[in-house]
C-alpha atoms as a PDB file:
ATOM      1  CA  MET A   1       1.187  -4.020 -11.503  1.00  0.00           C
ATOM      2  CA  THR A   2       4.689  -5.082 -10.695  1.00  0.00           C
ATOM      3  CA  HIS A   3       7.635  -3.185  -9.301  1.00  0.00           C
ATOM      4  CA  PRO A   4      10.812  -4.056  -7.425  1.00  0.00           C
ATOM      5  CA  LEU A   5       9.373  -5.183  -4.087  1.00  0.00           C
ATOM      6  CA  ASP A   6      12.503  -4.166  -2.190  1.00  0.00           C
ATOM      7  CA  GLU A   7      12.413  -0.589  -3.509  1.00  0.00           C
ATOM      8  CA  PRO A   8      11.149   2.031  -1.029  1.00  0.00           C
ATOM      9  CA  ILE A   9       8.237   4.286  -1.927  1.00  0.00           C
ATOM     10  CA  PRO A  10       9.424   7.903  -2.269  1.00  0.00           C
ATOM     11  CA  GLY A  11       8.587   9.807   0.917  1.00  0.00           C
ATOM     12  CA  ALA A  12       7.360   6.732   2.795  1.00  0.00           C
ATOM     13  CA  PRO A  13       8.813   5.871   6.202  1.00  0.00           C
ATOM     14  CA  TYR A  14      11.268   2.990   6.516  1.00  0.00           C
ATOM     15  CA  LEU A  15       9.539  -0.267   7.435  1.00  0.00           C
ATOM     16  CA  GLU A  16      11.175  -2.819   9.702  1.00  0.00           C
ATOM     17  CA  LYS A  17      10.988  -6.450   8.594  1.00  0.00           C
ATOM     18  CA  SER A  18       9.137  -8.719  10.995  1.00  0.00           C
ATOM     19  CA  GLU A  19       7.895 -12.286  11.164  1.00  0.00           C
ATOM     20  CA  ASP A  20       4.725 -11.046  12.909  1.00  0.00           C
ATOM     21  CA  LEU A  21       2.300  -9.801  10.254  1.00  0.00           C
ATOM     22  CA  ASN A  22      -0.379  -8.646  12.713  1.00  0.00           C
ATOM     23  CA  PRO A  23       0.958  -5.101  13.297  1.00  0.00           C
ATOM     24  CA  SER A  24       1.347  -4.642   9.546  1.00  0.00           C
ATOM     25  CA  LEU A  25      -2.150  -5.921   8.845  1.00  0.00           C
ATOM     26  CA  ASP A  26      -3.539  -3.612  11.546  1.00  0.00           C
ATOM     27  CA  ARG A  27      -1.703  -0.656   9.965  1.00  0.00           C
ATOM     28  CA  LEU A  28      -2.985  -1.642   6.517  1.00  0.00           C
ATOM     29  CA  ALA A  29      -6.589  -1.807   7.759  1.00  0.00           C
ATOM     30  CA  GLU A  30      -6.167   1.594   9.439  1.00  0.00           C
ATOM     31  CA  ALA A  31      -4.729   3.115   6.252  1.00  0.00           C
ATOM     32  CA  TYR A  32      -7.581   1.775   4.101  1.00  0.00           C
ATOM     33  CA  GLN A  33     -10.186   3.075   6.584  1.00  0.00           C
ATOM     34  CA  THR A  34      -8.529   6.489   6.738  1.00  0.00           C
ATOM     35  CA  PHE A  35      -8.428   6.667   2.948  1.00  0.00           C
ATOM     36  CA  GLU A  36     -12.079   5.599   2.684  1.00  0.00           C
ATOM     37  CA  ARG A  37     -13.133   8.422   5.033  1.00  0.00           C
ATOM     38  CA  HIS A  38     -11.018  11.022   3.204  1.00  0.00           C
ATOM     39  CA  THR A  39     -13.120  13.586   1.332  1.00  0.00           C
ATOM     40  CA  GLY A  40     -10.515  16.194   0.423  1.00  0.00           C
ATOM     41  CA  ALA A  41      -8.190  16.625  -2.514  1.00  0.00           C
ATOM     42  CA  LEU A  42      -5.760  13.841  -3.390  1.00  0.00           C
ATOM     43  CA  PHE A  43      -2.087  14.343  -4.118  1.00  0.00           C
ATOM     44  CA  PRO A  44      -0.869  13.112  -7.499  1.00  0.00           C
ATOM     45  CA  HIS A  45       0.444   9.540  -7.351  1.00  0.00           C
ATOM     46  CA  PHE A  46       4.247   9.467  -7.579  1.00  0.00           C
ATOM     47  CA  SER A  47       4.109   7.129 -10.603  1.00  0.00           C
ATOM     48  CA  TYR A  48       0.669   7.593 -12.180  1.00  0.00           C
ATOM     49  CA  GLY A  49      -0.020  11.288 -11.628  1.00  0.00           C
ATOM     50  CA  ALA A  50      -3.523  12.574 -10.906  1.00  0.00           C
ATOM     51  CA  LEU A  51      -5.956   9.792  -9.958  1.00  0.00           C
ATOM     52  CA  SER A  52      -9.588   9.775  -8.891  1.00  0.00           C
ATOM     53  CA  LYS A  53     -10.432   8.173  -5.538  1.00  0.00           C
ATOM     54  CA  ALA A  54     -11.681   5.060  -7.386  1.00  0.00           C
ATOM     55  CA  GLU A  55      -8.440   4.905  -9.383  1.00  0.00           C
ATOM     56  CA  TYR A  56      -6.392   5.284  -6.188  1.00  0.00           C
ATOM     57  CA  THR A  57      -8.372   2.444  -4.599  1.00  0.00           C
ATOM     58  CA  LEU A  58      -7.626   0.233  -7.591  1.00  0.00           C
ATOM     59  CA  ALA A  59      -3.931   1.190  -7.575  1.00  0.00           C
ATOM     60  CA  HIS A  60      -3.674   0.448  -3.838  1.00  0.00           C
ATOM     61  CA  THR A  61      -5.421  -2.897  -4.282  1.00  0.00           C
ATOM     62  CA  MET A  62      -3.145  -3.912  -7.155  1.00  0.00           C
ATOM     63  CA  HIS A  63      -0.104  -2.787  -5.138  1.00  0.00           C
ATOM     64  CA  PHE A  64      -1.205  -4.834  -2.126  1.00  0.00           C
ATOM     65  CA  ASN A  65      -1.832  -7.880  -4.323  1.00  0.00           C
ATOM     66  CA  ASN A  66       1.657  -7.507  -5.776  1.00  0.00           C
ATOM     67  CA  HIS A  67       3.114  -7.565  -2.251  1.00  0.00           C
ATOM     68  CA  LEU A  68       1.118 -10.670  -1.344  1.00  0.00           C
ATOM     69  CA  THR A  69       3.573 -12.579  -3.536  1.00  0.00           C
ATOM     70  CA  GLN A  70       6.216 -11.887  -0.837  1.00  0.00           C
ATOM     71  CA  ILE A  71       4.300 -13.680   1.897  1.00  0.00           C
ATOM     72  CA  GLN A  72       5.263 -17.300   2.278  1.00  0.00           C
ATOM     73  CA  ARG A  73       3.561 -19.863   4.418  1.00  0.00           C
ATOM     74  CA  PHE A  74       5.968 -21.662   6.697  1.00  0.00           C
ATOM     75  CA  ARG A  75       5.321 -25.253   7.720  1.00  0.00           C
END
């Protein structure tokens, strides 16, 4: 999965850039836990259409891995 990493997700809130990754990692963990607990219907993905919960999990994981390429270690 690759996409323009500076392109906003349709309908998603604007995210402020920050050097401190901790709030973002906390939000990510919260989002994954909320999704894991979700038992209701899922909205179609804006790019892939209807996905099962397992397919959504895979899409989210691939999306996260794609964004990991943006994180640089500073020395």
